[in-house]
Amino acid sequence: MGIVPESDSKILDRLAKESGDPLERWRLRARYVLSIGYSLKEASRIFSADEDNVYRWAERWNSERSIAGHP
């Protein structure tokens, strides 16, 4: 994933704080820790989530600027 621009980190942090959806907040926090330099493996451990899921959340953020759940 790599480091994202500082503005993205700030956006992710703000969105996570404002989100009323616990699952979305969790996904945003996982993407946030990636944005500040944690590895995919570290983020998946921190959030007790499968690496594939964390990767998909990151990819969704990168392409859609959203981490909302898909049906």
C-alpha atoms as a PDB file:
ATOM      1  CA  MET A   1       0.000   0.000   0.000  1.00  0.00           C
ATOM      2  CA  GLY A   2       2.749   2.384   0.930  1.00  0.00           C
ATOM      3  CA  ILE A   3       2.478   5.800   2.417  1.00  0.00           C
ATOM      4  CA  VAL A   4      -0.355   7.900   1.070  1.00  0.00           C
ATOM      5  CA  PRO A   5      -0.364  11.687   0.984  1.00  0.00           C
ATOM      6  CA  GLU A   6      -0.726  13.295   4.396  1.00  0.00           C
ATOM      7  CA  SER A   7      -4.058  14.734   3.307  1.00  0.00           C
ATOM      8  CA  ASP A   8      -5.405  11.186   2.823  1.00  0.00           C
ATOM      9  CA  SER A   9      -4.281  10.219   6.311  1.00  0.00           C
ATOM     10  CA  LYS A  10      -6.102  13.223   7.731  1.00  0.00           C
ATOM     11  CA  ILE A  11      -9.216  12.455   5.688  1.00  0.00           C
ATOM     12  CA  LEU A  12      -9.234   8.820   6.807  1.00  0.00           C
ATOM     13  CA  ASP A  13      -8.793   9.828  10.439  1.00  0.00           C
ATOM     14  CA  ARG A  14     -11.586  12.407  10.237  1.00  0.00           C
ATOM     15  CA  LEU A  15     -13.981  10.037   8.453  1.00  0.00           C
ATOM     16  CA  ALA A  16     -13.347   7.312  11.028  1.00  0.00           C
ATOM     17  CA  LYS A  17     -14.077   9.725  13.868  1.00  0.00           C
ATOM     18  CA  GLU A  18     -17.291  10.921  12.207  1.00  0.00           C
ATOM     19  CA  SER A  19     -18.637   7.572  11.044  1.00  0.00           C
ATOM     20  CA  GLY A  20     -21.709   6.277  12.806  1.00  0.00           C
ATOM     21  CA  ASP A  21     -21.233   2.800  11.332  1.00  0.00           C
ATOM     22  CA  PRO A  22     -18.918   0.672  13.505  1.00  0.00           C
ATOM     23  CA  LEU A  23     -17.881  -1.582  10.606  1.00  0.00           C
ATOM     24  CA  GLU A  24     -17.075   1.351   8.347  1.00  0.00           C
ATOM     25  CA  ARG A  25     -15.143   3.012  11.190  1.00  0.00           C
ATOM     26  CA  TRP A  26     -13.134  -0.208  11.672  1.00  0.00           C
ATOM     27  CA  ARG A  27     -12.325  -0.384   7.946  1.00  0.00           C
ATOM     28  CA  LEU A  28     -11.334   3.287   7.853  1.00  0.00           C
ATOM     29  CA  ARG A  29      -9.047   2.812  10.849  1.00  0.00           C
ATOM     30  CA  ALA A  30      -7.395  -0.167   9.155  1.00  0.00           C
ATOM     31  CA  ARG A  31      -6.789   1.929   6.038  1.00  0.00           C
ATOM     32  CA  TYR A  32      -5.542   4.772   8.215  1.00  0.00           C
ATOM     33  CA  VAL A  33      -2.837   2.652   9.852  1.00  0.00           C
ATOM     34  CA  LEU A  34      -1.709   1.578   6.382  1.00  0.00           C
ATOM     35  CA  SER A  35      -1.556   5.238   5.376  1.00  0.00           C
ATOM     36  CA  ILE A  36       0.824   6.064   8.209  1.00  0.00           C
ATOM     37  CA  GLY A  37       3.239   3.300   7.328  1.00  0.00           C
ATOM     38  CA  TYR A  38       2.109   0.054   8.917  1.00  0.00           C
ATOM     39  CA  SER A  39       2.403  -3.001   6.699  1.00  0.00           C
ATOM     40  CA  LEU A  40      -0.590  -4.984   5.496  1.00  0.00           C
ATOM     41  CA  LYS A  41       0.399  -7.802   7.836  1.00  0.00           C
ATOM     42  CA  GLU A  42       0.668  -5.447  10.818  1.00  0.00           C
ATOM     43  CA  ALA A  43      -2.680  -3.811  10.059  1.00  0.00           C
ATOM     44  CA  SER A  44      -4.400  -7.172   9.735  1.00  0.00           C
ATOM     45  CA  ARG A  45      -2.989  -8.229  13.107  1.00  0.00           C
ATOM     46  CA  ILE A  46      -3.996  -4.978  14.810  1.00  0.00           C
ATOM     47  CA  PHE A  47      -7.556  -5.276  13.533  1.00  0.00           C
ATOM     48  CA  SER A  48      -7.801  -9.074  13.732  1.00  0.00           C
ATOM     49  CA  ALA A  49      -8.798  -9.117  10.091  1.00  0.00           C
ATOM     50  CA  ASP A  50      -7.804 -11.282   7.183  1.00  0.00           C
ATOM     51  CA  GLU A  51      -5.021  -9.721   5.101  1.00  0.00           C
ATOM     52  CA  ASP A  52      -7.119 -10.152   1.945  1.00  0.00           C
ATOM     53  CA  ASN A  53      -9.920  -8.091   3.489  1.00  0.00           C
ATOM     54  CA  VAL A  54      -7.592  -5.308   4.589  1.00  0.00           C
ATOM     55  CA  TYR A  55      -6.081  -5.298   1.110  1.00  0.00           C
ATOM     56  CA  ARG A  56      -9.542  -5.030  -0.499  1.00  0.00           C
ATOM     57  CA  TRP A  57     -10.487  -2.146   1.809  1.00  0.00           C
ATOM     58  CA  ALA A  58      -7.295  -0.342   0.836  1.00  0.00           C
ATOM     59  CA  GLU A  59      -7.874  -0.954  -2.846  1.00  0.00           C
ATOM     60  CA  ARG A  60     -11.474   0.239  -2.545  1.00  0.00           C
ATOM     61  CA  TRP A  61     -10.284   3.427  -0.849  1.00  0.00           C
ATOM     62  CA  ASN A  62      -7.656   3.973  -3.544  1.00  0.00           C
ATOM     63  CA  SER A  63     -10.140   3.547  -6.385  1.00  0.00           C
ATOM     64  CA  GLU A  64     -13.408   4.860  -4.933  1.00  0.00           C
ATOM     65  CA  ARG A  65     -12.399   7.039  -1.991  1.00  0.00           C
ATOM     66  CA  SER A  66     -14.858   5.017   0.033  1.00  0.00           C
ATOM     67  CA  ILE A  67     -14.753   1.968   2.265  1.00  0.00           C
ATOM     68  CA  ALA A  68     -18.489   1.522   2.522  1.00  0.00           C
ATOM     69  CA  GLY A  69     -19.654  -2.072   2.360  1.00  0.00           C
ATOM     70  CA  HIS A  70     -20.754  -3.494  -0.938  1.00  0.00           C
ATOM     71  CA  PRO A  71     -23.835  -5.708  -1.163  1.00  0.00           C
END
